[in-house]
Amino acid sequence: EDLHGQPLNLDDYFATPEPLGLKMAQWADIRPGDAALEPSAGHGAIARWIREDAQRTAIEPSGELRSRLALVFGGDQTKINDGRFEDVGMRDENTLDLRGRHPDAASLDHVAVAPEERPVIVG
């Protein structure tokens, strides 16, 4: 269901093949300590491959998909947000450097850059 308790329509859910998710995570060149964001995590086809020593955040509004995501995406530095990427506030402590992104992601012009860090958006 969505954030308002309404049944979620997964007709527009297009899962990334997991081998492609692995390549995307490799191409993103995530390093230990990087802040990595998967803005449309689905069941975790990309997020599962983000290295565990990064500060990992995934966003997924579907409760059904979040539960599947949680099975493959966990750890001490991992957060799963139940909102929509477009609605998640980007505060100073959550600024990200855009290096990689899912081809169907919305425009990310509003994402701020933190020059002292190397965070990454993967999905």
N, C-alpha and C. Protein backbone atom coordinates (compact mmCIF):
# COMPACT_ATOMS: atom_id res chain seq x y z
N GLU A 1 0.83 -1.18 0.00
CA GLU A 1 0.00 0.00 0.00
C GLU A 1 0.87 1.24 0.00
N ASP A 2 0.29 2.36 -0.42
CA ASP A 2 1.06 3.59 -0.50
C ASP A 2 1.09 4.30 0.85
N LEU A 3 1.65 5.49 0.88
CA LEU A 3 1.81 6.23 2.13
C LEU A 3 0.49 6.65 2.75
N HIS A 4 -0.60 6.58 1.97
CA HIS A 4 -1.91 6.96 2.46
C HIS A 4 -2.79 5.75 2.76
N GLY A 5 -2.21 4.57 2.77
CA GLY A 5 -2.95 3.35 3.08
C GLY A 5 -3.74 2.78 1.93
N GLN A 6 -3.56 3.33 0.74
CA GLN A 6 -4.28 2.85 -0.44
C GLN A 6 -3.49 1.70 -1.08
N PRO A 7 -4.20 0.76 -1.71
CA PRO A 7 -3.49 -0.33 -2.40
C PRO A 7 -2.53 0.23 -3.43
N LEU A 8 -1.34 -0.30 -3.46
CA LEU A 8 -0.32 0.18 -4.38
C LEU A 8 -0.40 -0.60 -5.68
N ASN A 9 -0.40 0.11 -6.77
CA ASN A 9 -0.44 -0.50 -8.08
C ASN A 9 1.00 -0.72 -8.54
N LEU A 10 1.38 -1.97 -8.68
CA LEU A 10 2.76 -2.27 -9.10
C LEU A 10 2.85 -2.47 -10.61
N ASP A 11 1.81 -2.02 -11.34
CA ASP A 11 1.86 -2.14 -12.80
C ASP A 11 3.00 -1.34 -13.40
N ASP A 12 3.44 -0.29 -12.71
CA ASP A 12 4.54 0.51 -13.22
C ASP A 12 5.87 0.15 -12.55
N TYR A 13 5.95 -1.02 -11.96
CA TYR A 13 7.17 -1.50 -11.32
C TYR A 13 7.96 -2.29 -12.35
N PHE A 14 9.14 -1.80 -12.69
CA PHE A 14 10.00 -2.46 -13.65
C PHE A 14 11.30 -2.82 -12.96
N ALA A 15 11.42 -4.06 -12.58
CA ALA A 15 12.60 -4.51 -11.83
C ALA A 15 13.83 -4.51 -12.71
N THR A 16 14.93 -4.01 -12.16
CA THR A 16 16.23 -4.09 -12.83
C THR A 16 16.72 -5.52 -12.70
N PRO A 17 17.18 -6.14 -13.79
CA PRO A 17 17.78 -7.48 -13.65
C PRO A 17 18.97 -7.42 -12.70
N GLU A 18 19.07 -8.40 -11.79
CA GLU A 18 20.12 -8.36 -10.78
C GLU A 18 21.54 -8.34 -11.35
N PRO A 19 21.84 -9.04 -12.45
CA PRO A 19 23.20 -8.91 -13.01
C PRO A 19 23.50 -7.47 -13.44
N LEU A 20 22.50 -6.76 -13.97
CA LEU A 20 22.68 -5.35 -14.32
C LEU A 20 22.86 -4.51 -13.05
N GLY A 21 22.10 -4.84 -11.99
CA GLY A 21 22.26 -4.14 -10.71
C GLY A 21 23.68 -4.26 -10.18
N LEU A 22 24.26 -5.45 -10.30
CA LEU A 22 25.65 -5.66 -9.88
C LEU A 22 26.59 -4.76 -10.69
N LYS A 23 26.42 -4.73 -12.01
CA LYS A 23 27.28 -3.88 -12.84
C LYS A 23 27.11 -2.41 -12.49
N MET A 24 25.86 -1.97 -12.23
CA MET A 24 25.63 -0.57 -11.87
C MET A 24 26.37 -0.21 -10.60
N ALA A 25 26.33 -1.11 -9.61
CA ALA A 25 27.04 -0.85 -8.36
C ALA A 25 28.55 -0.81 -8.59
N GLN A 26 29.05 -1.67 -9.46
CA GLN A 26 30.48 -1.65 -9.78
C GLN A 26 30.86 -0.37 -10.52
N TRP A 27 30.06 0.03 -11.49
CA TRP A 27 30.34 1.25 -12.26
C TRP A 27 30.29 2.50 -11.38
N ALA A 28 29.47 2.47 -10.33
CA ALA A 28 29.35 3.64 -9.45
C ALA A 28 30.64 3.87 -8.65
N ASP A 29 31.50 2.87 -8.57
CA ASP A 29 32.78 3.02 -7.89
C ASP A 29 32.60 3.50 -6.45
N ILE A 30 31.70 2.85 -5.74
CA ILE A 30 31.44 3.19 -4.34
C ILE A 30 32.62 2.73 -3.50
N ARG A 31 33.07 3.61 -2.61
CA ARG A 31 34.23 3.32 -1.78
C ARG A 31 33.83 3.25 -0.31
N PRO A 32 34.67 2.65 0.54
CA PRO A 32 34.32 2.59 1.97
C PRO A 32 34.01 3.98 2.51
N GLY A 33 32.91 4.09 3.24
CA GLY A 33 32.52 5.36 3.84
C GLY A 33 31.69 6.26 2.95
N ASP A 34 31.60 5.96 1.64
CA ASP A 34 30.75 6.76 0.76
C ASP A 34 29.30 6.66 1.23
N ALA A 35 28.53 7.70 0.98
CA ALA A 35 27.09 7.69 1.22
C ALA A 35 26.42 7.34 -0.09
N ALA A 36 25.81 6.16 -0.16
CA ALA A 36 25.18 5.68 -1.40
C ALA A 36 23.67 5.65 -1.23
N LEU A 37 22.96 6.17 -2.23
CA LEU A 37 21.50 6.22 -2.20
C LEU A 37 20.93 5.47 -3.38
N GLU A 38 19.99 4.58 -3.12
CA GLU A 38 19.20 3.92 -4.15
C GLU A 38 17.81 4.55 -4.07
N PRO A 39 17.46 5.49 -4.96
CA PRO A 39 16.24 6.27 -4.80
C PRO A 39 14.95 5.56 -5.17
N SER A 40 15.04 4.41 -5.80
CA SER A 40 13.84 3.66 -6.18
C SER A 40 14.20 2.19 -6.07
N ALA A 41 14.27 1.69 -4.83
CA ALA A 41 14.95 0.43 -4.54
C ALA A 41 14.20 -0.83 -4.96
N GLY A 42 12.88 -0.76 -5.06
CA GLY A 42 12.15 -1.98 -5.42
C GLY A 42 12.48 -3.12 -4.48
N HIS A 43 12.77 -4.28 -5.04
CA HIS A 43 13.09 -5.44 -4.21
C HIS A 43 14.58 -5.58 -3.93
N GLY A 44 15.39 -4.62 -4.39
CA GLY A 44 16.80 -4.62 -4.05
C GLY A 44 17.75 -5.12 -5.11
N ALA A 45 17.31 -5.15 -6.37
CA ALA A 45 18.16 -5.67 -7.44
C ALA A 45 19.45 -4.88 -7.61
N ILE A 46 19.43 -3.59 -7.27
CA ILE A 46 20.64 -2.77 -7.32
C ILE A 46 21.22 -2.62 -5.91
N ALA A 47 20.36 -2.26 -4.97
CA ALA A 47 20.81 -1.96 -3.60
C ALA A 47 21.58 -3.11 -2.97
N ARG A 48 21.19 -4.33 -3.26
CA ARG A 48 21.86 -5.50 -2.64
C ARG A 48 23.34 -5.54 -2.95
N TRP A 49 23.78 -4.90 -4.03
CA TRP A 49 25.17 -4.95 -4.44
C TRP A 49 25.99 -3.76 -3.94
N ILE A 50 25.38 -2.81 -3.26
CA ILE A 50 26.12 -1.68 -2.71
C ILE A 50 26.97 -2.18 -1.55
N ARG A 51 28.22 -1.91 -1.58
CA ARG A 51 29.14 -2.47 -0.57
C ARG A 51 28.68 -2.11 0.85
N GLU A 52 28.86 -3.04 1.77
CA GLU A 52 28.34 -2.88 3.13
C GLU A 52 29.13 -1.89 3.97
N ASP A 53 30.33 -1.51 3.56
CA ASP A 53 31.10 -0.54 4.34
C ASP A 53 30.83 0.90 3.87
N ALA A 54 29.80 1.08 3.05
CA ALA A 54 29.33 2.41 2.66
C ALA A 54 28.14 2.78 3.56
N GLN A 55 27.81 4.05 3.61
CA GLN A 55 26.60 4.50 4.31
C GLN A 55 25.46 4.36 3.31
N ARG A 56 24.66 3.30 3.44
CA ARG A 56 23.69 2.91 2.43
C ARG A 56 22.27 3.34 2.81
N THR A 57 21.60 3.98 1.86
CA THR A 57 20.20 4.37 2.04
C THR A 57 19.42 3.93 0.81
N ALA A 58 18.27 3.33 1.05
CA ALA A 58 17.36 2.95 -0.04
C ALA A 58 16.00 3.58 0.25
N ILE A 59 15.33 4.00 -0.80
CA ILE A 59 13.99 4.57 -0.68
C ILE A 59 13.03 3.71 -1.49
N GLU A 60 11.95 3.27 -0.84
CA GLU A 60 10.94 2.46 -1.52
C GLU A 60 9.59 2.65 -0.84
N PRO A 61 8.59 3.20 -1.55
CA PRO A 61 7.28 3.45 -0.94
C PRO A 61 6.42 2.21 -0.75
N SER A 62 6.65 1.16 -1.49
CA SER A 62 5.81 -0.04 -1.41
C SER A 62 6.21 -0.91 -0.22
N GLY A 63 5.26 -1.17 0.68
CA GLY A 63 5.54 -2.04 1.82
C GLY A 63 5.92 -3.44 1.39
N GLU A 64 5.25 -3.96 0.37
CA GLU A 64 5.57 -5.29 -0.14
C GLU A 64 7.00 -5.36 -0.65
N LEU A 65 7.40 -4.36 -1.45
CA LEU A 65 8.76 -4.36 -1.98
C LEU A 65 9.78 -4.06 -0.90
N ARG A 66 9.45 -3.19 0.06
CA ARG A 66 10.38 -2.89 1.17
C ARG A 66 10.68 -4.14 1.98
N SER A 67 9.67 -4.99 2.18
CA SER A 67 9.92 -6.22 2.95
C SER A 67 10.85 -7.15 2.19
N ARG A 68 10.72 -7.21 0.89
CA ARG A 68 11.64 -8.02 0.08
C ARG A 68 13.03 -7.39 0.06
N LEU A 69 13.08 -6.06 -0.01
CA LEU A 69 14.34 -5.33 0.03
C LEU A 69 15.10 -5.60 1.32
N ALA A 70 14.38 -5.59 2.45
CA ALA A 70 15.02 -5.78 3.76
C ALA A 70 15.71 -7.14 3.87
N LEU A 71 15.27 -8.12 3.10
CA LEU A 71 15.89 -9.45 3.14
C LEU A 71 17.30 -9.44 2.55
N VAL A 72 17.59 -8.51 1.64
CA VAL A 72 18.88 -8.50 0.95
C VAL A 72 19.69 -7.24 1.21
N PHE A 73 19.13 -6.30 1.97
CA PHE A 73 19.77 -5.00 2.16
C PHE A 73 19.70 -4.64 3.63
N GLY A 74 20.79 -4.88 4.35
CA GLY A 74 20.83 -4.59 5.77
C GLY A 74 22.24 -4.26 6.20
N GLY A 75 22.41 -4.07 7.49
CA GLY A 75 23.73 -3.77 8.03
C GLY A 75 23.69 -2.55 8.91
N ASP A 76 24.81 -2.32 9.60
CA ASP A 76 24.91 -1.22 10.56
C ASP A 76 24.75 0.15 9.94
N GLN A 77 25.23 0.35 8.72
CA GLN A 77 25.19 1.67 8.09
C GLN A 77 24.10 1.74 7.02
N THR A 78 23.02 0.97 7.19
CA THR A 78 21.97 0.87 6.19
C THR A 78 20.66 1.46 6.70
N LYS A 79 20.00 2.26 5.84
CA LYS A 79 18.68 2.80 6.16
C LYS A 79 17.75 2.49 4.99
N ILE A 80 16.50 2.13 5.33
CA ILE A 80 15.47 1.96 4.31
C ILE A 80 14.37 2.97 4.62
N ASN A 81 14.13 3.88 3.69
CA ASN A 81 13.14 4.94 3.85
C ASN A 81 11.86 4.53 3.15
N ASP A 82 10.72 4.75 3.81
CA ASP A 82 9.44 4.31 3.25
C ASP A 82 8.72 5.39 2.45
N GLY A 83 9.39 6.46 2.12
CA GLY A 83 8.77 7.53 1.34
C GLY A 83 9.03 7.37 -0.14
N ARG A 84 8.73 8.41 -0.87
CA ARG A 84 9.07 8.49 -2.29
C ARG A 84 10.26 9.42 -2.42
N PHE A 85 11.14 9.14 -3.36
CA PHE A 85 12.34 9.94 -3.52
C PHE A 85 12.00 11.42 -3.67
N GLU A 86 10.95 11.71 -4.44
CA GLU A 86 10.58 13.09 -4.69
C GLU A 86 10.15 13.82 -3.42
N ASP A 87 9.73 13.07 -2.39
CA ASP A 87 9.23 13.67 -1.16
C ASP A 87 10.26 13.69 -0.03
N VAL A 88 11.38 13.02 -0.21
CA VAL A 88 12.38 12.95 0.84
C VAL A 88 13.17 14.24 0.85
N GLY A 89 13.20 14.91 1.99
CA GLY A 89 13.94 16.17 2.10
C GLY A 89 15.43 15.92 2.06
N MET A 90 16.14 16.74 1.34
CA MET A 90 17.60 16.64 1.28
C MET A 90 18.17 17.73 2.17
N ARG A 91 18.50 17.38 3.40
CA ARG A 91 19.05 18.33 4.36
C ARG A 91 20.57 18.36 4.23
N ASP A 92 21.19 19.31 4.90
CA ASP A 92 22.65 19.44 4.81
C ASP A 92 23.36 18.13 5.11
N GLU A 93 22.87 17.39 6.13
CA GLU A 93 23.57 16.16 6.49
C GLU A 93 23.30 15.03 5.51
N ASN A 94 22.37 15.22 4.58
CA ASN A 94 22.03 14.18 3.61
C ASN A 94 22.39 14.58 2.18
N THR A 95 23.29 15.53 2.00
CA THR A 95 23.61 15.94 0.64
C THR A 95 24.36 14.84 -0.09
N LEU A 96 24.15 14.77 -1.39
CA LEU A 96 24.71 13.71 -2.20
C LEU A 96 25.35 14.28 -3.45
N ASP A 97 26.40 13.62 -3.89
CA ASP A 97 27.03 13.95 -5.15
C ASP A 97 26.51 12.98 -6.20
N LEU A 98 25.92 13.48 -7.25
CA LEU A 98 25.31 12.64 -8.27
C LEU A 98 26.38 12.12 -9.22
N ARG A 99 26.65 10.80 -9.16
CA ARG A 99 27.61 10.20 -10.09
C ARG A 99 26.97 9.12 -10.93
N GLY A 100 26.00 8.41 -10.41
CA GLY A 100 25.33 7.37 -11.17
C GLY A 100 23.86 7.42 -10.84
N ARG A 101 22.98 7.05 -11.79
CA ARG A 101 21.56 7.08 -11.49
C ARG A 101 20.79 6.16 -12.42
N HIS A 102 19.65 5.72 -11.96
CA HIS A 102 18.74 4.88 -12.72
C HIS A 102 18.25 5.69 -13.91
N PRO A 103 18.19 5.11 -15.10
CA PRO A 103 17.81 5.88 -16.28
C PRO A 103 16.42 6.48 -16.21
N ASP A 104 15.51 5.93 -15.40
CA ASP A 104 14.17 6.50 -15.34
C ASP A 104 13.97 7.40 -14.12
N ALA A 105 15.06 7.75 -13.43
CA ALA A 105 14.94 8.62 -12.26
C ALA A 105 14.49 10.02 -12.67
N ALA A 106 13.74 10.65 -11.78
CA ALA A 106 13.29 12.02 -12.04
C ALA A 106 14.49 12.96 -12.05
N SER A 107 14.30 14.15 -12.53
CA SER A 107 15.37 15.14 -12.55
C SER A 107 15.89 15.36 -11.14
N LEU A 108 17.18 15.37 -11.00
CA LEU A 108 17.80 15.48 -9.68
C LEU A 108 18.54 16.81 -9.53
N ASP A 109 18.08 17.84 -10.25
CA ASP A 109 18.73 19.13 -10.19
C ASP A 109 18.77 19.72 -8.79
N HIS A 110 17.83 19.32 -7.92
CA HIS A 110 17.74 19.89 -6.59
C HIS A 110 18.68 19.22 -5.59
N VAL A 111 19.41 18.18 -6.01
CA VAL A 111 20.30 17.47 -5.10
C VAL A 111 21.56 18.30 -4.88
N ALA A 112 21.85 18.59 -3.63
CA ALA A 112 23.01 19.42 -3.29
C ALA A 112 24.28 18.57 -3.27
N VAL A 113 25.41 19.20 -3.37
CA VAL A 113 26.69 18.51 -3.35
C VAL A 113 27.44 18.86 -2.08
N ALA A 114 27.95 17.85 -1.41
CA ALA A 114 28.76 18.05 -0.22
C ALA A 114 30.22 17.89 -0.63
N PRO A 115 30.97 18.96 -0.76
CA PRO A 115 32.33 18.87 -1.30
C PRO A 115 33.29 18.06 -0.43
N GLU A 116 33.00 17.94 0.86
CA GLU A 116 33.93 17.23 1.73
C GLU A 116 33.71 15.71 1.72
N GLU A 117 32.69 15.23 1.02
CA GLU A 117 32.40 13.80 0.98
C GLU A 117 32.33 13.31 -0.45
N ARG A 118 32.25 11.98 -0.63
CA ARG A 118 32.08 11.37 -1.93
C ARG A 118 30.81 10.52 -1.95
N PRO A 119 29.65 11.07 -1.66
CA PRO A 119 28.45 10.25 -1.70
C PRO A 119 28.02 9.94 -3.12
N VAL A 120 27.17 8.92 -3.27
CA VAL A 120 26.81 8.41 -4.58
C VAL A 120 25.32 8.08 -4.62
N ILE A 121 24.67 8.41 -5.74
CA ILE A 121 23.32 7.90 -6.00
C ILE A 121 23.50 6.79 -7.02
N VAL A 122 23.01 5.60 -6.69
CA VAL A 122 23.25 4.45 -7.54
C VAL A 122 22.06 4.12 -8.41
N GLY A 123 20.89 4.06 -7.88
CA GLY A 123 19.76 3.50 -8.60
C GLY A 123 19.07 4.41 -9.53
